[in-house]
Amino acid sequence: MADPSADSSASFFRRHLEGWKGYWAERLSIIDNYRPFLNRNKPLPKWSASDVEEFIASDPVYGPTLKTAREAAKIAAAGGLIGAVSTAAVSWKYSRSPHGAVLSLVAGGVFGMTFGQEIANHWLQLYRLDTLGSEVKFLEWWERKIGEGS
């Protein structure tokens, strides 16, 4: 006769795993917006800054949002650069340890970029904008433009 406790424990773990799958599927549902662009046979070609400016000028709804998101990315990159250089410099000044300076360079870059993104989020009020929607609209526009051109 089979052990009934083995079946109940397997079903518990199976139910637990299914619960986690549902949890993460709900949390990562935003990826569904990008699925047409991620699962392509032939990737989209690179675009230039002038292509982005053309989209910003042509779309009165999502264009300004995309422009603001690009400004926020520049602020985050500047924050990452400032954080990386400053923490690495302080680490090098006080320890003269190359591995410590490299670790502080990486950590300072991550922390600085995070703080820069938060500053940009509040300063440019990104929480009021649909930045992901504007990126998807840009990718759709770029796909149409490339499709018409070729």
N, C-alpha and C. Protein backbone atom coordinates (compact mmCIF):
# COMPACT_ATOMS: atom_id res chain seq x y z
N MET A 1 0.85 -1.17 0.00
CA MET A 1 0.00 0.00 0.00
C MET A 1 0.90 1.24 0.00
N ALA A 2 0.51 2.27 -0.78
CA ALA A 2 1.31 3.49 -0.91
C ALA A 2 1.17 4.34 0.34
N ASP A 3 2.21 5.07 0.60
CA ASP A 3 2.24 5.96 1.76
C ASP A 3 1.44 7.23 1.45
N PRO A 4 0.32 7.48 2.16
CA PRO A 4 -0.50 8.66 1.86
C PRO A 4 0.20 9.98 2.17
N SER A 5 1.17 9.97 3.09
CA SER A 5 1.85 11.23 3.43
C SER A 5 2.72 11.71 2.27
N ALA A 6 3.25 10.80 1.43
CA ALA A 6 4.07 11.19 0.28
C ALA A 6 3.24 11.95 -0.74
N ASP A 7 2.00 11.49 -0.97
CA ASP A 7 1.12 12.19 -1.93
C ASP A 7 0.73 13.57 -1.42
N SER A 8 0.43 13.67 -0.14
CA SER A 8 0.01 14.96 0.38
C SER A 8 1.17 15.96 0.39
N SER A 9 2.41 15.50 0.68
CA SER A 9 3.53 16.42 0.67
C SER A 9 3.87 16.85 -0.76
N ALA A 10 3.75 15.94 -1.71
CA ALA A 10 4.00 16.31 -3.10
C ALA A 10 2.95 17.31 -3.56
N SER A 11 1.71 17.11 -3.20
CA SER A 11 0.68 18.04 -3.63
C SER A 11 0.87 19.40 -2.93
N PHE A 12 1.37 19.39 -1.69
CA PHE A 12 1.63 20.65 -1.01
C PHE A 12 2.70 21.44 -1.76
N PHE A 13 3.81 20.79 -2.12
CA PHE A 13 4.87 21.47 -2.84
C PHE A 13 4.42 21.90 -4.23
N ARG A 14 3.62 21.05 -4.87
CA ARG A 14 3.11 21.39 -6.20
C ARG A 14 2.21 22.62 -6.11
N ARG A 15 1.33 22.63 -5.10
CA ARG A 15 0.46 23.79 -4.92
C ARG A 15 1.27 25.04 -4.58
N HIS A 16 2.28 24.88 -3.76
CA HIS A 16 3.14 26.00 -3.39
C HIS A 16 3.87 26.55 -4.62
N LEU A 17 4.39 25.66 -5.45
CA LEU A 17 5.08 26.07 -6.67
C LEU A 17 4.11 26.78 -7.62
N GLU A 18 2.92 26.26 -7.77
CA GLU A 18 1.93 26.90 -8.64
C GLU A 18 1.55 28.27 -8.10
N GLY A 19 1.48 28.40 -6.78
CA GLY A 19 1.19 29.70 -6.19
C GLY A 19 2.28 30.72 -6.50
N TRP A 20 3.54 30.29 -6.43
CA TRP A 20 4.64 31.19 -6.76
C TRP A 20 4.65 31.54 -8.23
N LYS A 21 4.32 30.58 -9.08
CA LYS A 21 4.26 30.87 -10.51
C LYS A 21 3.21 31.94 -10.79
N GLY A 22 2.05 31.81 -10.16
CA GLY A 22 1.00 32.81 -10.32
C GLY A 22 1.41 34.17 -9.79
N TYR A 23 2.10 34.15 -8.64
CA TYR A 23 2.56 35.40 -8.03
C TYR A 23 3.50 36.13 -8.98
N TRP A 24 4.51 35.43 -9.49
CA TRP A 24 5.48 36.08 -10.36
C TRP A 24 4.90 36.40 -11.72
N ALA A 25 3.97 35.60 -12.22
CA ALA A 25 3.32 35.93 -13.49
C ALA A 25 2.53 37.23 -13.36
N GLU A 26 1.90 37.44 -12.20
CA GLU A 26 1.16 38.68 -11.98
C GLU A 26 2.11 39.87 -11.85
N ARG A 27 3.22 39.68 -11.16
CA ARG A 27 4.17 40.78 -10.95
C ARG A 27 4.91 41.15 -12.23
N LEU A 28 5.17 40.18 -13.09
CA LEU A 28 5.93 40.43 -14.32
C LEU A 28 5.03 40.53 -15.55
N SER A 29 3.76 40.81 -15.35
CA SER A 29 2.84 40.90 -16.49
C SER A 29 3.17 42.07 -17.40
N ILE A 30 3.95 43.02 -16.94
CA ILE A 30 4.35 44.17 -17.76
C ILE A 30 5.18 43.70 -18.95
N ILE A 31 5.84 42.56 -18.82
CA ILE A 31 6.66 42.03 -19.90
C ILE A 31 5.78 41.67 -21.11
N ASP A 32 4.50 41.40 -20.88
CA ASP A 32 3.61 41.09 -21.99
C ASP A 32 3.54 42.22 -23.00
N ASN A 33 3.71 43.46 -22.55
CA ASN A 33 3.70 44.60 -23.48
C ASN A 33 4.88 44.54 -24.44
N TYR A 34 6.00 44.00 -23.98
CA TYR A 34 7.21 43.95 -24.79
C TYR A 34 7.35 42.66 -25.57
N ARG A 35 6.49 41.68 -25.32
CA ARG A 35 6.62 40.37 -25.94
C ARG A 35 6.72 40.42 -27.47
N PRO A 36 5.95 41.25 -28.18
CA PRO A 36 6.11 41.28 -29.64
C PRO A 36 7.49 41.75 -30.09
N PHE A 37 8.17 42.49 -29.26
CA PHE A 37 9.49 43.01 -29.64
C PHE A 37 10.62 42.11 -29.14
N LEU A 38 10.33 41.28 -28.15
CA LEU A 38 11.36 40.39 -27.61
C LEU A 38 11.45 39.08 -28.38
N ASN A 39 10.33 38.58 -28.84
CA ASN A 39 10.29 37.28 -29.49
C ASN A 39 10.20 37.43 -31.01
N ARG A 40 11.14 38.11 -31.58
CA ARG A 40 11.15 38.32 -33.03
C ARG A 40 12.19 37.41 -33.67
N ASN A 41 11.90 36.99 -34.91
CA ASN A 41 12.88 36.20 -35.65
C ASN A 41 14.07 37.07 -36.04
N LYS A 42 13.77 38.28 -36.49
CA LYS A 42 14.81 39.23 -36.88
C LYS A 42 14.68 40.46 -35.98
N PRO A 43 15.72 40.81 -35.23
CA PRO A 43 15.59 41.94 -34.30
C PRO A 43 15.40 43.26 -35.04
N LEU A 44 14.81 44.20 -34.34
CA LEU A 44 14.66 45.54 -34.90
C LEU A 44 16.04 46.17 -35.09
N PRO A 45 16.23 46.91 -36.16
CA PRO A 45 17.53 47.57 -36.34
C PRO A 45 17.69 48.70 -35.32
N LYS A 46 18.92 49.12 -35.15
CA LYS A 46 19.23 50.21 -34.21
C LYS A 46 18.60 51.51 -34.70
N TRP A 47 18.24 52.34 -33.75
CA TRP A 47 17.72 53.66 -34.09
C TRP A 47 18.68 54.71 -33.58
N SER A 48 18.59 55.87 -34.15
CA SER A 48 19.49 56.96 -33.76
C SER A 48 18.73 57.99 -32.92
N ALA A 49 19.45 58.94 -32.42
CA ALA A 49 18.83 60.01 -31.63
C ALA A 49 17.88 60.84 -32.50
N SER A 50 18.20 60.98 -33.79
CA SER A 50 17.31 61.74 -34.67
C SER A 50 15.99 60.99 -34.90
N ASP A 51 16.03 59.66 -34.89
CA ASP A 51 14.79 58.88 -35.00
C ASP A 51 13.91 59.10 -33.78
N VAL A 52 14.53 59.12 -32.61
CA VAL A 52 13.78 59.35 -31.38
C VAL A 52 13.19 60.76 -31.39
N GLU A 53 13.98 61.74 -31.83
CA GLU A 53 13.47 63.12 -31.91
C GLU A 53 12.32 63.23 -32.90
N GLU A 54 12.39 62.47 -33.98
CA GLU A 54 11.30 62.46 -34.96
C GLU A 54 10.02 61.91 -34.33
N PHE A 55 10.15 60.84 -33.54
CA PHE A 55 8.98 60.29 -32.85
C PHE A 55 8.43 61.29 -31.84
N ILE A 56 9.32 61.93 -31.10
CA ILE A 56 8.87 62.91 -30.10
C ILE A 56 8.09 64.04 -30.77
N ALA A 57 8.55 64.47 -31.95
CA ALA A 57 7.85 65.54 -32.66
C ALA A 57 6.54 65.06 -33.29
N SER A 58 6.47 63.78 -33.66
CA SER A 58 5.29 63.29 -34.37
C SER A 58 4.17 62.83 -33.45
N ASP A 59 4.46 62.45 -32.23
CA ASP A 59 3.43 61.93 -31.33
C ASP A 59 3.20 62.92 -30.19
N PRO A 60 2.05 63.62 -30.19
CA PRO A 60 1.81 64.63 -29.16
C PRO A 60 1.50 64.04 -27.78
N VAL A 61 1.13 62.76 -27.70
CA VAL A 61 0.79 62.16 -26.41
C VAL A 61 2.00 61.49 -25.78
N TYR A 62 2.60 60.56 -26.52
CA TYR A 62 3.70 59.77 -25.96
C TYR A 62 5.08 60.39 -26.23
N GLY A 63 5.17 61.32 -27.15
CA GLY A 63 6.45 61.96 -27.45
C GLY A 63 7.05 62.70 -26.26
N PRO A 64 6.30 63.61 -25.63
CA PRO A 64 6.85 64.31 -24.46
C PRO A 64 7.19 63.37 -23.30
N THR A 65 6.41 62.31 -23.16
CA THR A 65 6.68 61.33 -22.10
C THR A 65 8.00 60.62 -22.36
N LEU A 66 8.23 60.24 -23.62
CA LEU A 66 9.49 59.59 -23.95
C LEU A 66 10.67 60.55 -23.76
N LYS A 67 10.47 61.81 -24.10
CA LYS A 67 11.53 62.80 -23.92
C LYS A 67 11.88 62.95 -22.44
N THR A 68 10.86 62.99 -21.59
CA THR A 68 11.07 63.11 -20.15
C THR A 68 11.77 61.86 -19.61
N ALA A 69 11.40 60.69 -20.10
CA ALA A 69 12.04 59.45 -19.65
C ALA A 69 13.51 59.42 -20.06
N ARG A 70 13.82 59.95 -21.23
CA ARG A 70 15.22 60.01 -21.66
C ARG A 70 16.02 60.99 -20.80
N GLU A 71 15.40 62.10 -20.40
CA GLU A 71 16.06 63.03 -19.49
C GLU A 71 16.32 62.38 -18.13
N ALA A 72 15.37 61.58 -17.67
CA ALA A 72 15.53 60.88 -16.39
C ALA A 72 16.67 59.87 -16.47
N ALA A 73 16.81 59.22 -17.60
CA ALA A 73 17.91 58.26 -17.76
C ALA A 73 19.26 58.98 -17.72
N LYS A 74 19.32 60.18 -18.28
CA LYS A 74 20.57 60.95 -18.22
C LYS A 74 20.90 61.35 -16.78
N ILE A 75 19.88 61.73 -16.02
CA ILE A 75 20.09 62.09 -14.61
C ILE A 75 20.56 60.87 -13.82
N ALA A 76 19.96 59.71 -14.08
CA ALA A 76 20.36 58.49 -13.39
C ALA A 76 21.80 58.11 -13.74
N ALA A 77 22.18 58.27 -15.00
CA ALA A 77 23.56 57.96 -15.41
C ALA A 77 24.54 58.91 -14.73
N ALA A 78 24.18 60.18 -14.65
CA ALA A 78 25.05 61.14 -13.97
C ALA A 78 25.17 60.79 -12.49
N GLY A 79 24.08 60.38 -11.87
CA GLY A 79 24.13 59.96 -10.47
C GLY A 79 25.02 58.75 -10.29
N GLY A 80 24.94 57.81 -11.23
CA GLY A 80 25.80 56.63 -11.15
C GLY A 80 27.26 56.99 -11.28
N LEU A 81 27.57 57.88 -12.19
CA LEU A 81 28.96 58.31 -12.38
C LEU A 81 29.49 59.03 -11.13
N ILE A 82 28.69 59.94 -10.60
CA ILE A 82 29.10 60.67 -9.40
C ILE A 82 29.28 59.72 -8.22
N GLY A 83 28.33 58.81 -8.05
CA GLY A 83 28.42 57.85 -6.95
C GLY A 83 29.63 56.94 -7.07
N ALA A 84 29.89 56.47 -8.29
CA ALA A 84 31.02 55.56 -8.50
C ALA A 84 32.34 56.25 -8.22
N VAL A 85 32.53 57.41 -8.80
CA VAL A 85 33.82 58.11 -8.65
C VAL A 85 34.04 58.56 -7.21
N SER A 86 33.01 59.10 -6.59
CA SER A 86 33.20 59.62 -5.24
C SER A 86 33.48 58.51 -4.23
N THR A 87 32.74 57.41 -4.29
CA THR A 87 32.99 56.33 -3.33
C THR A 87 34.33 55.66 -3.59
N ALA A 88 34.69 55.49 -4.85
CA ALA A 88 35.99 54.89 -5.15
C ALA A 88 37.12 55.80 -4.69
N ALA A 89 36.97 57.10 -4.86
CA ALA A 89 38.01 58.04 -4.43
C ALA A 89 38.18 58.03 -2.91
N VAL A 90 37.07 58.01 -2.19
CA VAL A 90 37.15 57.97 -0.73
C VAL A 90 37.77 56.65 -0.28
N SER A 91 37.36 55.57 -0.91
CA SER A 91 37.93 54.27 -0.56
C SER A 91 39.42 54.22 -0.84
N TRP A 92 39.83 54.75 -1.97
CA TRP A 92 41.25 54.74 -2.31
C TRP A 92 42.05 55.66 -1.36
N LYS A 93 41.46 56.79 -1.02
CA LYS A 93 42.16 57.75 -0.15
C LYS A 93 42.47 57.14 1.21
N TYR A 94 41.50 56.42 1.77
CA TYR A 94 41.67 55.94 3.14
C TYR A 94 42.23 54.52 3.23
N SER A 95 42.14 53.71 2.17
CA SER A 95 42.61 52.34 2.32
C SER A 95 43.76 51.97 1.39
N ARG A 96 43.89 52.63 0.26
CA ARG A 96 44.90 52.30 -0.75
C ARG A 96 44.81 50.82 -1.14
N SER A 97 43.59 50.32 -1.15
CA SER A 97 43.35 48.93 -1.49
C SER A 97 42.70 48.87 -2.87
N PRO A 98 43.37 48.27 -3.86
CA PRO A 98 42.77 48.23 -5.21
C PRO A 98 41.44 47.49 -5.27
N HIS A 99 41.37 46.34 -4.60
CA HIS A 99 40.12 45.59 -4.65
C HIS A 99 39.00 46.33 -3.91
N GLY A 100 39.33 47.03 -2.85
CA GLY A 100 38.33 47.83 -2.14
C GLY A 100 37.85 48.99 -2.99
N ALA A 101 38.77 49.62 -3.71
CA ALA A 101 38.39 50.73 -4.58
C ALA A 101 37.50 50.25 -5.72
N VAL A 102 37.81 49.08 -6.26
CA VAL A 102 36.98 48.55 -7.36
C VAL A 102 35.59 48.18 -6.84
N LEU A 103 35.52 47.53 -5.69
CA LEU A 103 34.22 47.19 -5.11
C LEU A 103 33.41 48.44 -4.78
N SER A 104 34.07 49.45 -4.23
CA SER A 104 33.34 50.68 -3.92
C SER A 104 32.95 51.42 -5.19
N LEU A 105 33.74 51.30 -6.25
CA LEU A 105 33.38 51.90 -7.53
C LEU A 105 32.07 51.28 -8.05
N VAL A 106 31.99 49.96 -8.00
CA VAL A 106 30.79 49.27 -8.48
C VAL A 106 29.59 49.59 -7.59
N ALA A 107 29.78 49.45 -6.28
CA ALA A 107 28.67 49.71 -5.36
C ALA A 107 28.22 51.17 -5.42
N GLY A 108 29.18 52.08 -5.47
CA GLY A 108 28.83 53.50 -5.56
C GLY A 108 28.10 53.82 -6.85
N GLY A 109 28.48 53.16 -7.93
CA GLY A 109 27.77 53.35 -9.20
C GLY A 109 26.33 52.88 -9.12
N VAL A 110 26.12 51.71 -8.51
CA VAL A 110 24.75 51.19 -8.38
C VAL A 110 23.92 52.09 -7.47
N PHE A 111 24.49 52.46 -6.32
CA PHE A 111 23.75 53.32 -5.39
C PHE A 111 23.50 54.70 -5.99
N GLY A 112 24.50 55.26 -6.64
CA GLY A 112 24.34 56.58 -7.26
C GLY A 112 23.30 56.57 -8.36
N MET A 113 23.29 55.50 -9.15
CA MET A 113 22.29 55.42 -10.22
C MET A 113 20.89 55.28 -9.62
N THR A 114 20.77 54.51 -8.55
CA THR A 114 19.47 54.36 -7.89
C THR A 114 18.99 55.70 -7.32
N PHE A 115 19.88 56.40 -6.63
CA PHE A 115 19.49 57.71 -6.10
C PHE A 115 19.20 58.71 -7.22
N GLY A 116 19.98 58.66 -8.28
CA GLY A 116 19.73 59.54 -9.42
C GLY A 116 18.38 59.27 -10.05
N GLN A 117 18.01 58.00 -10.17
CA GLN A 117 16.70 57.65 -10.72
C GLN A 117 15.58 58.14 -9.81
N GLU A 118 15.76 58.00 -8.51
CA GLU A 118 14.73 58.48 -7.58
C GLU A 118 14.60 60.00 -7.63
N ILE A 119 15.73 60.70 -7.72
CA ILE A 119 15.69 62.16 -7.83
C ILE A 119 14.97 62.57 -9.11
N ALA A 120 15.30 61.90 -10.22
CA ALA A 120 14.64 62.20 -11.49
C ALA A 120 13.16 61.87 -11.42
N ASN A 121 12.81 60.79 -10.75
CA ASN A 121 11.41 60.39 -10.64
C ASN A 121 10.59 61.47 -9.96
N HIS A 122 11.13 62.06 -8.91
CA HIS A 122 10.39 63.10 -8.20
C HIS A 122 10.52 64.46 -8.87
N TRP A 123 11.68 64.79 -9.37
CA TRP A 123 11.90 66.09 -9.98
C TRP A 123 11.09 66.23 -11.28
N LEU A 124 11.12 65.19 -12.11
CA LEU A 124 10.39 65.23 -13.38
C LEU A 124 8.98 64.65 -13.27
N GLN A 125 8.60 64.21 -12.08
CA GLN A 125 7.27 63.66 -11.80
C GLN A 125 6.94 62.51 -12.75
N LEU A 126 7.84 61.55 -12.85
CA LEU A 126 7.64 60.39 -13.72
C LEU A 126 6.50 59.51 -13.24
N TYR A 127 6.18 59.55 -11.96
CA TYR A 127 5.11 58.72 -11.42
C TYR A 127 3.76 59.11 -12.01
N ARG A 128 3.66 60.26 -12.62
CA ARG A 128 2.41 60.68 -13.27
C ARG A 128 2.33 60.27 -14.73
N LEU A 129 3.44 59.80 -15.28
CA LEU A 129 3.52 59.50 -16.71
C LEU A 129 3.56 58.00 -16.95
N ASP A 130 3.13 57.60 -18.12
CA ASP A 130 3.20 56.20 -18.53
C ASP A 130 4.45 56.02 -19.38
N THR A 131 5.59 55.89 -18.71
CA THR A 131 6.85 55.81 -19.44
C THR A 131 6.98 54.49 -20.20
N LEU A 132 6.50 53.40 -19.63
CA LEU A 132 6.58 52.11 -20.33
C LEU A 132 5.69 52.11 -21.56
N GLY A 133 4.52 52.73 -21.43
CA GLY A 133 3.63 52.85 -22.59
C GLY A 133 4.25 53.66 -23.70
N SER A 134 4.98 54.71 -23.34
CA SER A 134 5.62 55.53 -24.38
C SER A 134 6.74 54.75 -25.06
N GLU A 135 7.45 53.91 -24.31
CA GLU A 135 8.50 53.09 -24.94
C GLU A 135 7.89 52.07 -25.89
N VAL A 136 6.78 51.47 -25.50
CA VAL A 136 6.11 50.51 -26.38
C VAL A 136 5.59 51.22 -27.63
N LYS A 137 5.01 52.40 -27.47
CA LYS A 137 4.52 53.15 -28.63
C LYS A 137 5.67 53.53 -29.56
N PHE A 138 6.84 53.88 -28.98
CA PHE A 138 7.99 54.18 -29.82
C PHE A 138 8.42 52.95 -30.60
N LEU A 139 8.46 51.79 -29.93
CA LEU A 139 8.87 50.57 -30.62
C LEU A 139 7.87 50.20 -31.73
N GLU A 140 6.57 50.39 -31.48
CA GLU A 140 5.57 50.15 -32.52
C GLU A 140 5.78 51.11 -33.68
N TRP A 141 6.04 52.38 -33.38
CA TRP A 141 6.27 53.39 -34.42
C TRP A 141 7.52 53.03 -35.21
N TRP A 142 8.56 52.62 -34.53
CA TRP A 142 9.81 52.26 -35.21
C TRP A 142 9.61 51.04 -36.10
N GLU A 143 8.84 50.09 -35.63
CA GLU A 143 8.55 48.89 -36.42
C GLU A 143 7.77 49.27 -37.69
N ARG A 144 6.79 50.16 -37.56
CA ARG A 144 6.03 50.61 -38.73
C ARG A 144 6.92 51.38 -39.69
N LYS A 145 7.76 52.25 -39.15
CA LYS A 145 8.65 53.05 -40.00
C LYS A 145 9.62 52.16 -40.77
N ILE A 146 10.18 51.19 -40.11
CA ILE A 146 11.12 50.27 -40.78
C ILE A 146 10.37 49.42 -41.79
N GLY A 147 9.15 49.01 -41.45
CA GLY A 147 8.35 48.19 -42.37
C GLY A 147 7.99 48.95 -43.62
N GLU A 148 7.72 50.25 -43.48
CA GLU A 148 7.39 51.06 -44.66
C GLU A 148 8.61 51.32 -45.50
N GLY A 149 9.75 51.48 -44.85
CA GLY A 149 10.97 51.82 -45.56
C GLY A 149 11.58 50.67 -46.33
N SER A 150 11.29 49.42 -45.92
CA SER A 150 11.93 48.29 -46.59
C SER A 150 10.99 47.53 -47.48
